[in-house]
């Protein structure tokens, strides 16, 4: 799938993030492409959807989050 554009700057979901956010993403084993069948950021309780075709956000980590990403804190939306 095409890479969503970032809300500002058109950098996609790979926009530069600060060291603390990078460390949190590493600790949560965040990936921009899920390898877990049926589990991705867009169907996670912590994901905040962005405008159509753009990256979203997460309530656990800062910075743009790819809707098709995944981390080990994934929780099903209710």
PDB file of N, CA and C in Angstrom:
ATOM      1  N   UNK A   1       0.823  -1.201   0.000  1.00  0.00           N
ATOM      2  CA  UNK A   1       0.000   0.000   0.000  1.00  0.00           C
ATOM      3  C   UNK A   1       0.863   1.259   0.000  1.00  0.00           C
ATOM      4  N   UNK A   2       0.287   2.310  -0.483  1.00  0.00           N
ATOM      5  CA  UNK A   2       1.003   3.576  -0.543  1.00  0.00           C
ATOM      6  C   UNK A   2       1.255   4.111   0.854  1.00  0.00           C
ATOM      7  N   UNK A   3       2.366   4.808   1.007  1.00  0.00           N
ATOM      8  CA  UNK A   3       2.732   5.416   2.288  1.00  0.00           C
ATOM      9  C   UNK A   3       1.843   6.630   2.533  1.00  0.00           C
ATOM     10  N   UNK A   4       1.117   6.685   3.662  1.00  0.00           N
ATOM     11  CA  UNK A   4       0.305   7.867   3.960  1.00  0.00           C
ATOM     12  C   UNK A   4       1.192   9.097   4.091  1.00  0.00           C
ATOM     13  N   UNK A   5       0.659  10.228   3.699  1.00  0.00           N
ATOM     14  CA  UNK A   5       1.386  11.496   3.842  1.00  0.00           C
ATOM     15  C   UNK A   5       1.224  11.990   5.272  1.00  0.00           C
ATOM     16  N   UNK A   6       2.228  12.661   5.785  1.00  0.00           N
ATOM     17  CA  UNK A   6       2.133  13.245   7.123  1.00  0.00           C
ATOM     18  C   UNK A   6       1.221  14.458   7.068  1.00  0.00           C
ATOM     19  N   UNK A   7       0.640  14.807   8.185  1.00  0.00           N
ATOM     20  CA  UNK A   7      -0.256  15.952   8.254  1.00  0.00           C
ATOM     21  C   UNK A   7       0.469  17.235   7.875  1.00  0.00           C
ATOM     22  N   UNK A   8       1.734  17.333   8.194  1.00  0.00           N
ATOM     23  CA  UNK A   8       2.512  18.527   7.854  1.00  0.00           C
ATOM     24  C   UNK A   8       3.844  18.093   7.243  1.00  0.00           C
ATOM     25  N   UNK A   9       4.195  18.685   6.160  1.00  0.00           N
ATOM     26  CA  UNK A   9       5.500  18.442   5.574  1.00  0.00           C
ATOM     27  C   UNK A   9       5.570  17.288   4.587  1.00  0.00           C
ATOM     28  N   UNK A  10       4.516  16.470   4.474  1.00  0.00           N
ATOM     29  CA  UNK A  10       4.510  15.381   3.523  1.00  0.00           C
ATOM     30  C   UNK A  10       5.602  14.359   3.738  1.00  0.00           C
ATOM     31  N   UNK A  11       6.058  14.153   4.966  1.00  0.00           N
ATOM     32  CA  UNK A  11       7.169  13.245   5.244  1.00  0.00           C
ATOM     33  C   UNK A  11       6.730  11.796   5.430  1.00  0.00           C
ATOM     34  N   UNK A  12       5.458  11.529   5.345  1.00  0.00           N
ATOM     35  CA  UNK A  12       4.978  10.182   5.553  1.00  0.00           C
ATOM     36  C   UNK A  12       5.091   9.779   7.012  1.00  0.00           C
ATOM     37  N   UNK A  13       4.888   8.521   7.294  1.00  0.00           N
ATOM     38  CA  UNK A  13       4.925   8.039   8.675  1.00  0.00           C
ATOM     39  C   UNK A  13       6.339   7.890   9.197  1.00  0.00           C
ATOM     40  N   UNK A  14       7.311   8.180   8.367  1.00  0.00           N
ATOM     41  CA  UNK A  14       8.707   8.089   8.778  1.00  0.00           C
ATOM     42  C   UNK A  14       9.287   9.445   9.146  1.00  0.00           C
ATOM     43  N   UNK A  15       8.435  10.408   9.468  1.00  0.00           N
ATOM     44  CA  UNK A  15       8.916  11.734   9.852  1.00  0.00           C
ATOM     45  C   UNK A  15       9.882  11.609  11.027  1.00  0.00           C
ATOM     46  N   UNK A  16      10.810  12.522  11.110  1.00  0.00           N
ATOM     47  CA  UNK A  16      11.792  12.521  12.184  1.00  0.00           C
ATOM     48  C   UNK A  16      11.112  12.675  13.539  1.00  0.00           C
ATOM     49  N   UNK A  17      11.496  11.840  14.485  1.00  0.00           N
ATOM     50  CA  UNK A  17      10.953  11.918  15.842  1.00  0.00           C
ATOM     51  C   UNK A  17      12.110  12.049  16.823  1.00  0.00           C
ATOM     52  N   UNK A  18      11.809  12.514  18.015  1.00  0.00           N
ATOM     53  CA  UNK A  18      12.878  12.744  18.999  1.00  0.00           C
ATOM     54  C   UNK A  18      13.405  11.435  19.583  1.00  0.00           C
ATOM     55  N   UNK A  19      14.525  11.528  20.295  1.00  0.00           N
ATOM     56  CA  UNK A  19      15.203  10.342  20.837  1.00  0.00           C
ATOM     57  C   UNK A  19      14.329   9.581  21.828  1.00  0.00           C
ATOM     58  N   UNK A  20      13.588  10.281  22.671  1.00  0.00           N
ATOM     59  CA  UNK A  20      12.729   9.615  23.653  1.00  0.00           C
ATOM     60  C   UNK A  20      11.636   8.811  22.952  1.00  0.00           C
ATOM     61  N   UNK A  21      11.034   9.398  21.905  1.00  0.00           N
ATOM     62  CA  UNK A  21      10.007   8.683  21.152  1.00  0.00           C
ATOM     63  C   UNK A  21      10.588   7.481  20.423  1.00  0.00           C
ATOM     64  N   UNK A  22      11.800   7.641  19.897  1.00  0.00           N
ATOM     65  CA  UNK A  22      12.477   6.527  19.229  1.00  0.00           C
ATOM     66  C   UNK A  22      12.716   5.396  20.219  1.00  0.00           C
ATOM     67  N   UNK A  23      13.146   5.744  21.418  1.00  0.00           N
ATOM     68  CA  UNK A  23      13.404   4.741  22.449  1.00  0.00           C
ATOM     69  C   UNK A  23      12.108   4.008  22.828  1.00  0.00           C
ATOM     70  N   UNK A  24      11.003   4.737  22.959  1.00  0.00           N
ATOM     71  CA  UNK A  24       9.719   4.113  23.297  1.00  0.00           C
ATOM     72  C   UNK A  24       9.268   3.184  22.178  1.00  0.00           C
ATOM     73  N   UNK A  25       9.416   3.611  20.937  1.00  0.00           N
ATOM     74  CA  UNK A  25       9.046   2.755  19.809  1.00  0.00           C
ATOM     75  C   UNK A  25       9.872   1.477  19.813  1.00  0.00           C
ATOM     76  N   UNK A  26      11.146   1.591  20.113  1.00  0.00           N
ATOM     77  CA  UNK A  26      12.014   0.418  20.178  1.00  0.00           C
ATOM     78  C   UNK A  26      11.562  -0.510  21.301  1.00  0.00           C
ATOM     79  N   UNK A  27      11.273   0.052  22.464  1.00  0.00           N
ATOM     80  CA  UNK A  27      10.836  -0.756  23.607  1.00  0.00           C
ATOM     81  C   UNK A  27       9.533  -1.491  23.303  1.00  0.00           C
ATOM     82  N   UNK A  28       8.642  -0.863  22.543  1.00  0.00           N
ATOM     83  CA  UNK A  28       7.361  -1.483  22.194  1.00  0.00           C
ATOM     84  C   UNK A  28       7.448  -2.321  20.922  1.00  0.00           C
ATOM     85  N   UNK A  29       8.646  -2.374  20.324  1.00  0.00           N
ATOM     86  CA  UNK A  29       8.895  -3.125  19.096  1.00  0.00           C
ATOM     87  C   UNK A  29       7.948  -2.695  17.973  1.00  0.00           C
ATOM     88  N   UNK A  30       7.766  -1.365  17.840  1.00  0.00           N
ATOM     89  CA  UNK A  30       6.912  -0.813  16.786  1.00  0.00           C
ATOM     90  C   UNK A  30       7.506  -1.093  15.415  1.00  0.00           C
ATOM     91  N   UNK A  31       6.631  -1.498  14.490  1.00  0.00           N
ATOM     92  CA  UNK A  31       6.992  -1.727  13.090  1.00  0.00           C
ATOM     93  C   UNK A  31       5.979  -0.985  12.229  1.00  0.00           C
ATOM     94  N   UNK A  32       6.417  -0.385  11.154  1.00  0.00           N
ATOM     95  CA  UNK A  32       5.519   0.333  10.257  1.00  0.00           C
ATOM     96  C   UNK A  32       4.644  -0.613   9.431  1.00  0.00           C
ATOM     97  N   UNK A  33       4.983  -1.903   9.427  1.00  0.00           N
ATOM     98  CA  UNK A  33       4.195  -2.913   8.714  1.00  0.00           C
ATOM     99  C   UNK A  33       4.002  -4.113   9.636  1.00  0.00           C
ATOM    100  N   UNK A  34       2.763  -4.380   9.991  1.00  0.00           N
ATOM    101  CA  UNK A  34       2.456  -5.474  10.908  1.00  0.00           C
ATOM    102  C   UNK A  34       2.814  -6.826  10.309  1.00  0.00           C
ATOM    103  N   UNK A  35       3.324  -7.711  11.160  1.00  0.00           N
ATOM    104  CA  UNK A  35       3.553  -9.097  10.765  1.00  0.00           C
ATOM    105  C   UNK A  35       2.635 -10.026  11.562  1.00  0.00           C
ATOM    106  N   UNK A  36       1.626  -9.437  12.196  1.00  0.00           N
ATOM    107  CA  UNK A  36       0.674 -10.193  13.002  1.00  0.00           C
ATOM    108  C   UNK A  36      -0.682 -10.193  12.296  1.00  0.00           C
ATOM    109  N   UNK A  37      -1.119 -11.351  11.840  1.00  0.00           N
ATOM    110  CA  UNK A  37      -2.371 -11.437  11.094  1.00  0.00           C
ATOM    111  C   UNK A  37      -3.539 -10.869  11.893  1.00  0.00           C
ATOM    112  N   UNK A  38      -4.268  -9.951  11.273  1.00  0.00           N
ATOM    113  CA  UNK A  38      -5.447  -9.360  11.894  1.00  0.00           C
ATOM    114  C   UNK A  38      -5.162  -8.288  12.935  1.00  0.00           C
ATOM    115  N   UNK A  39      -3.891  -7.981  13.185  1.00  0.00           N
ATOM    116  CA  UNK A  39      -3.529  -6.973  14.177  1.00  0.00           C
ATOM    117  C   UNK A  39      -2.698  -5.885  13.511  1.00  0.00           C
ATOM    118  N   UNK A  40      -3.189  -4.658  13.541  1.00  0.00           N
ATOM    119  CA  UNK A  40      -2.428  -3.519  13.059  1.00  0.00           C
ATOM    120  C   UNK A  40      -2.898  -2.277  13.803  1.00  0.00           C
ATOM    121  N   UNK A  41      -2.177  -1.205  13.644  1.00  0.00           N
ATOM    122  CA  UNK A  41      -2.479   0.010  14.400  1.00  0.00           C
ATOM    123  C   UNK A  41      -3.897   0.505  14.155  1.00  0.00           C
ATOM    124  N   UNK A  42      -4.394   0.371  12.930  1.00  0.00           N
ATOM    125  CA  UNK A  42      -5.723   0.902  12.634  1.00  0.00           C
ATOM    126  C   UNK A  42      -6.837   0.195  13.404  1.00  0.00           C
ATOM    127  N   UNK A  43      -6.597  -1.024  13.903  1.00  0.00           N
ATOM    128  CA  UNK A  43      -7.625  -1.692  14.697  1.00  0.00           C
ATOM    129  C   UNK A  43      -7.199  -1.860  16.159  1.00  0.00           C
ATOM    130  N   UNK A  44      -6.277  -0.987  16.591  1.00  0.00           N
ATOM    131  CA  UNK A  44      -5.799  -0.993  17.975  1.00  0.00           C
ATOM    132  C   UNK A  44      -6.518   0.084  18.788  1.00  0.00           C
ATOM    133  N   UNK A  45      -6.791  -0.224  20.037  1.00  0.00           N
ATOM    134  CA  UNK A  45      -7.483   0.710  20.933  1.00  0.00           C
ATOM    135  C   UNK A  45      -6.682   1.983  21.186  1.00  0.00           C
ATOM    136  N   UNK A  46      -5.354   1.940  21.035  1.00  0.00           N
ATOM    137  CA  UNK A  46      -4.513   3.097  21.309  1.00  0.00           C
ATOM    138  C   UNK A  46      -4.315   4.010  20.094  1.00  0.00           C
ATOM    139  N   UNK A  47      -4.765   3.572  18.910  1.00  0.00           N
ATOM    140  CA  UNK A  47      -4.556   4.324  17.672  1.00  0.00           C
ATOM    141  C   UNK A  47      -5.583   5.432  17.532  1.00  0.00           C
ATOM    142  N   UNK A  48      -5.096   6.609  17.141  1.00  0.00           N
ATOM    143  CA  UNK A  48      -5.958   7.757  16.861  1.00  0.00           C
ATOM    144  C   UNK A  48      -5.840   8.016  15.368  1.00  0.00           C
ATOM    145  N   UNK A  49      -6.923   7.768  14.653  1.00  0.00           N
ATOM    146  CA  UNK A  49      -6.909   7.869  13.204  1.00  0.00           C
ATOM    147  C   UNK A  49      -6.643   9.294  12.742  1.00  0.00           C
ATOM    148  N   UNK A  50      -5.823   9.424  11.706  1.00  0.00           N
ATOM    149  CA  UNK A  50      -5.555  10.723  11.098  1.00  0.00           C
ATOM    150  C   UNK A  50      -6.552  10.959   9.978  1.00  0.00           C
ATOM    151  N   UNK A  51      -6.460  12.113   9.328  1.00  0.00           N
ATOM    152  CA  UNK A  51      -7.308  12.365   8.167  1.00  0.00           C
ATOM    153  C   UNK A  51      -7.096  11.281   7.118  1.00  0.00           C
ATOM    154  N   UNK A  52      -8.115  11.020   6.316  1.00  0.00           N
ATOM    155  CA  UNK A  52      -8.043   9.956   5.312  1.00  0.00           C
ATOM    156  C   UNK A  52      -6.765  10.074   4.485  1.00  0.00           C
ATOM    157  N   UNK A  53      -6.031   8.987   4.388  1.00  0.00           N
ATOM    158  CA  UNK A  53      -4.808   8.935   3.603  1.00  0.00           C
ATOM    159  C   UNK A  53      -3.581   9.463   4.324  1.00  0.00           C
ATOM    160  N   UNK A  54      -3.706   9.775   5.608  1.00  0.00           N
ATOM    161  CA  UNK A  54      -2.570  10.300   6.359  1.00  0.00           C
ATOM    162  C   UNK A  54      -2.264   9.401   7.545  1.00  0.00           C
ATOM    163  N   UNK A  55      -1.118   9.610   8.139  1.00  0.00           N
ATOM    164  CA  UNK A  55      -0.706   8.861   9.323  1.00  0.00           C
ATOM    165  C   UNK A  55      -1.634   9.218  10.478  1.00  0.00           C
ATOM    166  N   UNK A  56      -1.693   8.306  11.430  1.00  0.00           N
ATOM    167  CA  UNK A  56      -2.431   8.576  12.645  1.00  0.00           C
ATOM    168  C   UNK A  56      -1.467   8.830  13.783  1.00  0.00           C
ATOM    169  N   UNK A  57      -1.971   8.731  14.989  1.00  0.00           N
ATOM    170  CA  UNK A  57      -1.163   8.901  16.188  1.00  0.00           C
ATOM    171  C   UNK A  57      -1.488   7.763  17.145  1.00  0.00           C
ATOM    172  N   UNK A  58      -0.720   7.684  18.202  1.00  0.00           N
ATOM    173  CA  UNK A  58      -0.899   6.665  19.222  1.00  0.00           C
ATOM    174  C   UNK A  58      -0.921   7.346  20.579  1.00  0.00           C
ATOM    175  N   UNK A  59      -1.739   6.847  21.485  1.00  0.00           N
ATOM    176  CA  UNK A  59      -1.792   7.432  22.817  1.00  0.00           C
ATOM    177  C   UNK A  59      -0.602   6.996  23.667  1.00  0.00           C
ATOM    178  N   UNK A  60       0.200   6.028  23.193  1.00  0.00           N
ATOM    179  CA  UNK A  60       1.359   5.547  23.940  1.00  0.00           C
ATOM    180  C   UNK A  60       2.669   6.172  23.507  1.00  0.00           C
ATOM    181  N   UNK A  61       2.798   6.505  22.230  1.00  0.00           N
ATOM    182  CA  UNK A  61       4.050   7.056  21.705  1.00  0.00           C
ATOM    183  C   UNK A  61       3.776   8.311  20.889  1.00  0.00           C
ATOM    184  N   UNK A  62       4.762   9.174  20.798  1.00  0.00           N
ATOM    185  CA  UNK A  62       4.665  10.410  20.029  1.00  0.00           C
ATOM    186  C   UNK A  62       5.039  10.159  18.575  1.00  0.00           C
ATOM    187  N   UNK A  63       4.578  11.038  17.719  1.00  0.00           N
ATOM    188  CA  UNK A  63       4.960  10.990  16.317  1.00  0.00           C
ATOM    189  C   UNK A  63       3.945  10.258  15.463  1.00  0.00           C
ATOM    190  N   UNK A  64       4.099  10.375  14.138  1.00  0.00           N
ATOM    191  CA  UNK A  64       3.159   9.743  13.221  1.00  0.00           C
ATOM    192  C   UNK A  64       3.249   8.223  13.283  1.00  0.00           C
ATOM    193  N   UNK A  65       2.095   7.586  13.189  1.00  0.00           N
ATOM    194  CA  UNK A  65       1.994   6.125  13.254  1.00  0.00           C
ATOM    195  C   UNK A  65       1.308   5.626  11.983  1.00  0.00           C
ATOM    196  N   UNK A  66       1.925   4.649  11.346  1.00  0.00           N
ATOM    197  CA  UNK A  66       1.343   4.064  10.134  1.00  0.00           C
ATOM    198  C   UNK A  66       0.136   3.212  10.524  1.00  0.00           C
ATOM    199  N   UNK A  67      -1.001   3.388   9.847  1.00  0.00           N
ATOM    200  CA  UNK A  67      -2.194   2.607  10.186  1.00  0.00           C
ATOM    201  C   UNK A  67      -1.991   1.095  10.061  1.00  0.00           C
ATOM    202  N   UNK A  68      -1.052   0.674   9.225  1.00  0.00           N
ATOM    203  CA  UNK A  68      -0.800  -0.760   9.039  1.00  0.00           C
ATOM    204  C   UNK A  68       0.361  -1.253   9.890  1.00  0.00           C
ATOM    205  N   UNK A  69       0.826  -0.409  10.820  1.00  0.00           N
ATOM    206  CA  UNK A  69       1.924  -0.782  11.721  1.00  0.00           C
ATOM    207  C   UNK A  69       1.450  -1.705  12.840  1.00  0.00           C
ATOM    208  N   UNK A  70       2.370  -1.988  13.748  1.00  0.00           N
ATOM    209  CA  UNK A  70       2.071  -2.881  14.874  1.00  0.00           C
ATOM    210  C   UNK A  70       3.118  -2.681  15.958  1.00  0.00           C
ATOM    211  N   UNK A  71       2.722  -2.841  17.219  1.00  0.00           N
ATOM    212  CA  UNK A  71       3.680  -2.918  18.323  1.00  0.00           C
ATOM    213  C   UNK A  71       3.158  -3.921  19.342  1.00  0.00           C
ATOM    214  N   UNK A  72       4.016  -4.278  20.290  1.00  0.00           N
ATOM    215  CA  UNK A  72       3.618  -5.338  21.239  1.00  0.00           C
ATOM    216  C   UNK A  72       2.655  -4.852  22.316  1.00  0.00           C
ATOM    217  N   UNK A  73       2.189  -3.604  22.247  1.00  0.00           N
ATOM    218  CA  UNK A  73       1.145  -3.128  23.146  1.00  0.00           C
ATOM    219  C   UNK A  73      -0.218  -3.117  22.477  1.00  0.00           C
ATOM    220  N   UNK A  74      -0.324  -3.743  21.289  1.00  0.00           N
ATOM    221  CA  UNK A  74      -1.580  -3.775  20.556  1.00  0.00           C
ATOM    222  C   UNK A  74      -2.695  -4.316  21.442  1.00  0.00           C
ATOM    223  N   UNK A  75      -3.837  -3.644  21.391  1.00  0.00           N
ATOM    224  CA  UNK A  75      -5.041  -4.081  22.111  1.00  0.00           C
ATOM    225  C   UNK A  75      -6.241  -3.846  21.190  1.00  0.00           C
ATOM    226  N   UNK A  76      -7.101  -4.828  21.095  1.00  0.00           N
ATOM    227  CA  UNK A  76      -8.253  -4.727  20.211  1.00  0.00           C
ATOM    228  C   UNK A  76      -9.161  -3.577  20.604  1.00  0.00           C
ATOM    229  N   UNK A  77      -9.662  -2.863  19.588  1.00  0.00           N
ATOM    230  CA  UNK A  77     -10.670  -1.824  19.837  1.00  0.00           C
ATOM    231  C   UNK A  77     -11.936  -2.506  20.333  1.00  0.00           C
ATOM    232  N   UNK A  78     -12.618  -1.832  21.220  1.00  0.00           N
ATOM    233  CA  UNK A  78     -13.880  -2.411  21.721  1.00  0.00           C
ATOM    234  C   UNK A  78     -15.067  -1.856  20.994  1.00  0.00           C
TER     235      UNK A  78
END
